[in-house]
Amino acid sequence: MNQHLERLKQNEIRFIDGSTLGPSFKAIQSFALDDTICTKIGKQESPTTVRTWVHHHTIVLGIQDTRLPNLSNGIKFLNEQGYKAIVRNSGGLAVVLDEGVLNISILFPEAERKLQINDGYETMYALIQDMFKDLTNGIEAKEIVGSYCPGDYDLSIDGKKFAGISQRRIRKGVAVQIYLCINESGSKRASIIKDFYEIAINNKQTNFKYPIINPNTMASLSELLSINLTVSEVMKRLLQSLINLTPTIITSSLQGDEIDLYNHHLQRMVDRNEELESLQMNFEQ
């Protein structure tokens, strides 16, 4: 077994599924949920947790994206394409979420030995390899230049990116999040982000170097593996991998003081997105 996968070999794992909640389930709720659980895990009041989430027609921006010189026109473009934009509370840049993109969060404690940043990424990478080991051994972790939200732990097959991993730490709790493009066109998703940056930069000088998107560097797993994968099929693969790692999987929603803590983190996300929300409401009028 991959040594990084051993980190998920627990007596029990908590599993929270948000993959079928539909369009009314907003991305700001997901980031608030992860912060809530991460805080509880850091206090050793919750076991290692795996959470899944799907959000419809959403562009998740990074903090640097909010500093784009012509952001207003960029957001207007996204809205015209049917996407709602939000700003996340973790690192990274703009990504596309829709019903063909499955997000997985692994939330675990730093424990006695302080985990290195790469340990979290490697754990997620090992889990994804395990989930698809019967279909491919060609999943690589390396930066794919020309993709959106590029990073050292872009996951790709034959040089085409289908997933990106981010990480957030809160008081001895670690949240590792991945988006997996399961089906539909990866290059079409990339084209949306390409056009967004071109409009939002508008040929102006920027202090931060935003990615120059080449849509041909991105694809979905269905495209790369030449099979028709669905989110529900990938969910089954995830659960099978977890079952092989732990004797007990607990499915539970938020309980007790977790609900108050969630409301606190949700309000922080609402506050973070106040200006962006106001801007988009103006476009609707």
Protein backbone atom coordinates (compact mmCIF):
# COMPACT_ATOMS: atom_id res chain seq x y z
CA MET A 1 0.00 0.00 0.00
CA ASN A 2 1.16 3.53 -0.81
CA GLN A 3 2.63 5.01 2.38
CA HIS A 4 0.58 8.19 1.95
CA LEU A 5 -2.61 6.17 1.69
CA GLU A 6 -1.75 4.70 5.11
CA ARG A 7 -2.75 8.08 6.57
CA LEU A 8 -6.37 7.15 5.80
CA LYS A 9 -6.04 3.73 7.45
CA GLN A 10 -8.08 4.67 10.52
CA ASN A 11 -10.31 2.84 13.00
CA GLU A 12 -13.15 4.94 11.64
CA ILE A 13 -13.72 7.58 9.00
CA ARG A 14 -16.58 10.02 8.97
CA PHE A 15 -18.22 10.41 5.56
CA ILE A 16 -20.40 13.36 4.57
CA ASP A 17 -21.95 13.28 1.10
CA GLY A 18 -23.04 16.53 -0.54
CA SER A 19 -22.84 15.26 -4.11
CA THR A 20 -26.60 15.01 -4.71
CA LEU A 21 -27.93 18.13 -2.97
CA GLY A 22 -28.59 19.97 -6.23
CA PRO A 23 -28.34 23.60 -7.37
CA SER A 24 -29.61 25.07 -4.08
CA PHE A 25 -26.44 23.83 -2.34
CA LYS A 26 -23.99 26.74 -2.65
CA ALA A 27 -20.20 26.60 -2.79
CA ILE A 28 -19.83 29.03 0.12
CA GLN A 29 -21.61 26.41 2.23
CA SER A 30 -19.00 23.81 1.28
CA PHE A 31 -16.07 25.98 2.29
CA ALA A 32 -17.82 26.80 5.58
CA LEU A 33 -18.45 23.07 6.17
CA ASP A 34 -14.81 22.19 5.61
CA ASP A 35 -13.66 24.93 8.00
CA THR A 36 -16.13 23.69 10.62
CA ILE A 37 -15.01 20.07 10.44
CA CYS A 38 -11.34 21.03 10.16
CA THR A 39 -11.65 23.06 13.38
CA LYS A 40 -13.31 20.14 15.21
CA ILE A 41 -10.68 17.70 13.98
CA GLY A 42 -7.91 20.05 15.11
CA LYS A 43 -9.44 19.93 18.60
CA GLN A 44 -9.63 16.11 18.36
CA GLU A 45 -13.43 16.32 18.62
CA SER A 46 -14.12 14.65 15.27
CA PRO A 47 -12.49 11.73 13.44
CA THR A 48 -10.76 11.95 10.07
CA THR A 49 -13.48 12.94 7.60
CA VAL A 50 -14.05 12.58 3.87
CA ARG A 51 -16.62 14.91 2.34
CA THR A 52 -17.93 15.06 -1.23
CA TRP A 53 -19.60 18.01 -2.91
CA VAL A 54 -20.99 19.03 -6.29
CA HIS A 55 -21.99 22.59 -7.17
CA HIS A 56 -23.81 23.76 -10.26
CA HIS A 57 -22.58 26.49 -12.64
CA THR A 58 -20.15 28.07 -10.21
CA ILE A 59 -16.78 29.73 -10.77
CA VAL A 60 -14.69 29.66 -7.62
CA LEU A 61 -12.19 32.52 -7.56
CA GLY A 62 -9.01 32.79 -5.52
CA ILE A 63 -8.08 35.88 -3.55
CA GLN A 64 -5.66 37.01 -6.29
CA ASP A 65 -8.51 36.91 -8.82
CA THR A 66 -10.36 39.62 -6.89
CA ARG A 67 -7.46 41.96 -7.71
CA LEU A 68 -7.88 41.70 -11.47
CA PRO A 69 -7.90 45.21 -13.02
CA ASN A 70 -11.19 44.74 -14.88
CA LEU A 71 -12.86 42.25 -12.51
CA SER A 72 -16.34 43.73 -12.90
CA ASN A 73 -16.48 43.01 -16.64
CA GLY A 74 -15.01 39.57 -16.04
CA ILE A 75 -17.75 38.73 -13.55
CA LYS A 76 -20.38 40.12 -15.91
CA PHE A 77 -19.08 37.76 -18.61
CA LEU A 78 -19.30 34.76 -16.25
CA ASN A 79 -22.86 35.69 -15.29
CA GLU A 80 -23.81 35.97 -18.97
CA GLN A 81 -22.48 32.44 -19.49
CA GLY A 82 -24.75 31.22 -16.68
CA TYR A 83 -22.12 31.00 -13.92
CA LYS A 84 -22.19 32.49 -10.43
CA ALA A 85 -18.82 33.57 -9.02
CA ILE A 86 -17.68 33.20 -5.42
CA VAL A 87 -14.36 33.78 -3.63
CA ARG A 88 -12.96 30.90 -1.62
CA ASN A 89 -11.05 31.11 1.66
CA SER A 90 -8.13 28.95 0.53
CA GLY A 91 -5.33 29.46 -1.96
CA GLY A 92 -5.38 28.98 -5.70
CA LEU A 93 -7.02 30.70 -8.65
CA ALA A 94 -10.24 30.42 -10.67
CA VAL A 95 -11.77 26.97 -11.25
CA VAL A 96 -15.03 25.73 -12.79
CA LEU A 97 -17.57 23.72 -10.81
CA ASP A 98 -20.61 22.12 -12.43
CA GLU A 99 -22.64 18.91 -12.22
CA GLY A 100 -19.85 16.99 -13.99
CA VAL A 101 -17.21 17.99 -11.43
CA LEU A 102 -16.88 16.02 -8.20
CA ASN A 103 -15.10 17.67 -5.27
CA ILE A 104 -13.57 15.58 -2.50
CA SER A 105 -12.26 16.93 0.80
CA ILE A 106 -10.04 14.90 3.12
CA LEU A 107 -9.94 16.42 6.61
CA PHE A 108 -7.51 15.02 9.16
CA PRO A 109 -5.42 16.12 12.15
CA GLU A 110 -1.79 17.14 12.04
CA ALA A 111 -1.33 14.76 14.99
CA GLU A 112 1.87 14.65 17.01
CA ARG A 113 4.21 14.90 14.04
CA LYS A 114 3.70 18.10 12.10
CA LEU A 115 2.69 17.20 8.58
CA GLN A 116 4.61 18.74 5.72
CA ILE A 117 2.55 20.59 3.11
CA ASN A 118 3.29 17.91 0.50
CA ASP A 119 2.03 15.14 2.82
CA GLY A 120 -1.53 16.38 2.41
CA TYR A 121 -1.23 16.61 -1.37
CA GLU A 122 0.38 13.16 -1.59
CA THR A 123 -2.45 11.61 0.45
CA MET A 124 -5.06 12.92 -1.97
CA TYR A 125 -2.95 11.90 -4.96
CA ALA A 126 -2.62 8.36 -3.57
CA LEU A 127 -6.38 8.14 -2.98
CA ILE A 128 -7.20 9.15 -6.56
CA GLN A 129 -4.67 6.66 -7.93
CA ASP A 130 -6.27 3.94 -5.82
CA MET A 131 -9.79 4.83 -6.99
CA PHE A 132 -8.89 4.40 -10.66
CA LYS A 133 -6.17 1.73 -10.45
CA ASP A 134 -8.22 -0.73 -12.53
CA LEU A 135 -8.55 1.79 -15.36
CA THR A 136 -5.13 3.45 -15.53
CA ASN A 137 -1.70 3.62 -13.95
CA GLY A 138 -0.91 6.80 -15.87
CA ILE A 139 -2.10 9.46 -13.42
CA GLU A 140 0.71 11.94 -12.80
CA ALA A 141 1.09 14.80 -10.33
CA LYS A 142 2.92 17.77 -11.87
CA GLU A 143 2.15 21.29 -12.98
CA ILE A 144 0.34 21.50 -16.31
CA VAL A 145 1.29 24.84 -17.84
CA GLY A 146 -1.66 26.34 -19.70
CA SER A 147 -4.29 24.88 -17.35
CA TYR A 148 -6.41 26.96 -15.01
CA CYS A 149 -5.31 27.16 -11.37
CA PRO A 150 -1.96 25.48 -12.16
CA GLY A 151 0.11 23.92 -9.38
CA ASP A 152 2.67 21.23 -8.59
CA TYR A 153 -0.12 18.77 -7.82
CA ASP A 154 -2.19 19.09 -10.97
CA LEU A 155 -3.35 15.56 -11.80
CA SER A 156 -3.08 14.60 -15.44
CA ILE A 157 -3.03 11.71 -17.90
CA ASP A 158 -0.88 12.04 -21.03
CA GLY A 159 -0.20 15.68 -20.18
CA LYS A 160 -3.86 16.70 -19.91
CA LYS A 161 -5.13 17.94 -16.56
CA PHE A 162 -8.37 16.60 -15.08
CA ALA A 163 -7.97 17.63 -11.43
CA GLY A 164 -6.39 20.18 -9.12
CA ILE A 165 -5.64 19.98 -5.40
CA SER A 166 -5.67 22.76 -2.81
CA GLN A 167 -5.01 22.74 0.91
CA ARG A 168 -6.07 24.72 3.96
CA ARG A 169 -4.97 24.40 7.59
CA ILE A 170 -6.82 25.55 10.69
CA ARG A 171 -5.41 25.08 14.19
CA LYS A 172 -3.94 21.60 13.79
CA GLY A 173 -6.61 20.52 11.32
CA VAL A 174 -5.81 19.92 7.64
CA ALA A 175 -8.29 20.18 4.76
CA VAL A 176 -7.14 18.85 1.38
CA GLN A 177 -9.60 19.56 -1.42
CA ILE A 178 -9.66 18.27 -4.99
CA TYR A 179 -11.91 18.93 -7.96
CA LEU A 180 -12.25 16.05 -10.41
CA CYS A 181 -13.58 16.76 -13.90
CA ILE A 182 -15.52 13.55 -14.40
CA ASN A 183 -17.33 14.09 -17.69
CA GLU A 184 -18.22 16.60 -20.42
CA SER A 185 -15.52 18.74 -22.04
CA GLY A 186 -12.49 19.81 -20.04
CA SER A 187 -11.39 22.19 -22.78
CA LYS A 188 -14.78 23.96 -22.79
CA ARG A 189 -14.43 24.59 -19.06
CA ALA A 190 -10.93 25.93 -19.66
CA SER A 191 -12.20 28.22 -22.43
CA ILE A 192 -14.57 29.90 -19.96
CA ILE A 193 -11.66 30.71 -17.62
CA LYS A 194 -9.47 31.79 -20.56
CA ASP A 195 -12.08 34.30 -21.72
CA PHE A 196 -12.67 35.47 -18.12
CA TYR A 197 -8.99 36.32 -17.63
CA GLU A 198 -8.69 38.04 -21.00
CA ILE A 199 -11.70 40.24 -20.21
CA ALA A 200 -10.75 40.87 -16.56
CA ILE A 201 -7.11 41.72 -17.38
CA ASN A 202 -7.99 43.71 -20.51
CA ASN A 203 -4.34 44.03 -21.61
CA LYS A 204 -3.41 45.91 -18.43
CA GLN A 205 -0.24 45.40 -16.40
CA THR A 206 -0.69 43.29 -13.26
CA ASN A 207 1.68 42.71 -10.34
CA PHE A 208 0.57 39.07 -10.17
CA LYS A 209 1.22 36.69 -13.06
CA TYR A 210 -2.11 35.15 -14.02
CA PRO A 211 -2.08 31.92 -16.07
CA ILE A 212 -2.34 32.07 -19.85
CA ILE A 213 -4.91 29.36 -20.49
CA ASN A 214 -4.57 26.86 -23.31
CA PRO A 215 -7.87 24.92 -23.33
CA ASN A 216 -6.18 21.94 -25.03
CA THR A 217 -4.23 21.21 -21.82
CA MET A 218 -7.40 20.14 -20.00
CA ALA A 219 -9.81 17.23 -20.33
CA SER A 220 -12.29 15.21 -18.28
CA LEU A 221 -11.62 11.71 -17.01
CA SER A 222 -14.29 10.39 -19.38
CA GLU A 223 -12.43 11.91 -22.31
CA LEU A 224 -9.02 10.70 -21.13
CA LEU A 225 -10.12 7.14 -20.35
CA SER A 226 -12.52 6.89 -23.32
CA ILE A 227 -15.40 5.72 -21.13
CA ASN A 228 -18.60 7.38 -19.93
CA LEU A 229 -18.00 8.01 -16.24
CA THR A 230 -20.65 9.55 -13.99
CA VAL A 231 -20.29 11.31 -10.65
CA SER A 232 -22.25 8.50 -8.94
CA GLU A 233 -19.91 5.86 -10.40
CA VAL A 234 -16.89 7.76 -9.11
CA MET A 235 -18.59 8.05 -5.73
CA LYS A 236 -18.80 4.24 -5.62
CA ARG A 237 -15.09 4.03 -6.41
CA LEU A 238 -14.31 6.47 -3.59
CA LEU A 239 -16.37 4.50 -1.08
CA GLN A 240 -14.77 1.23 -2.14
CA SER A 241 -11.30 2.69 -1.59
CA LEU A 242 -12.35 3.93 1.86
CA ILE A 243 -13.92 0.58 2.78
CA ASN A 244 -10.60 -1.10 1.96
CA LEU A 245 -8.82 1.31 4.33
CA THR A 246 -11.06 1.37 7.38
CA PRO A 247 -13.38 -1.10 9.15
CA THR A 248 -15.92 1.61 10.08
CA ILE A 249 -17.40 4.40 7.97
CA ILE A 250 -19.74 6.72 9.85
CA THR A 251 -22.18 8.74 7.77
CA SER A 252 -23.36 11.78 9.66
CA SER A 253 -24.37 15.39 9.19
CA LEU A 254 -23.36 18.22 11.51
CA GLN A 255 -24.31 17.67 15.13
CA GLY A 256 -24.49 19.66 18.38
CA ASP A 257 -22.12 22.62 18.58
CA GLU A 258 -20.93 21.90 15.02
CA ILE A 259 -24.06 23.68 13.79
CA ASP A 260 -23.21 26.92 15.64
CA LEU A 261 -19.62 26.68 14.45
CA TYR A 262 -20.83 26.14 10.88
CA ASN A 263 -23.06 29.22 11.08
CA HIS A 264 -20.02 31.22 12.24
CA HIS A 265 -17.88 30.04 9.32
CA LEU A 266 -20.74 30.49 6.86
CA GLN A 267 -21.14 34.11 7.96
CA ARG A 268 -17.41 34.63 7.39
CA MET A 269 -17.82 33.32 3.84
CA VAL A 270 -20.86 35.54 3.30
CA ASP A 271 -18.87 38.56 4.50
CA ARG A 272 -15.92 37.60 2.27
CA ASN A 273 -18.27 37.47 -0.73
CA GLU A 274 -20.33 40.56 0.08
CA GLU A 275 -18.82 42.83 -2.59
CA LEU A 276 -18.90 40.13 -5.26
CA GLU A 277 -22.51 39.24 -4.41
CA SER A 278 -23.54 42.89 -4.61
CA LEU A 279 -21.82 43.26 -7.98
CA GLN A 280 -23.66 40.25 -9.41
CA MET A 281 -27.01 41.41 -8.06
CA ASN A 282 -26.50 44.67 -9.93
CA PHE A 283 -25.95 42.77 -13.17
CA GLU A 284 -29.26 40.95 -12.65
CA GLN A 285 -31.23 44.17 -12.35
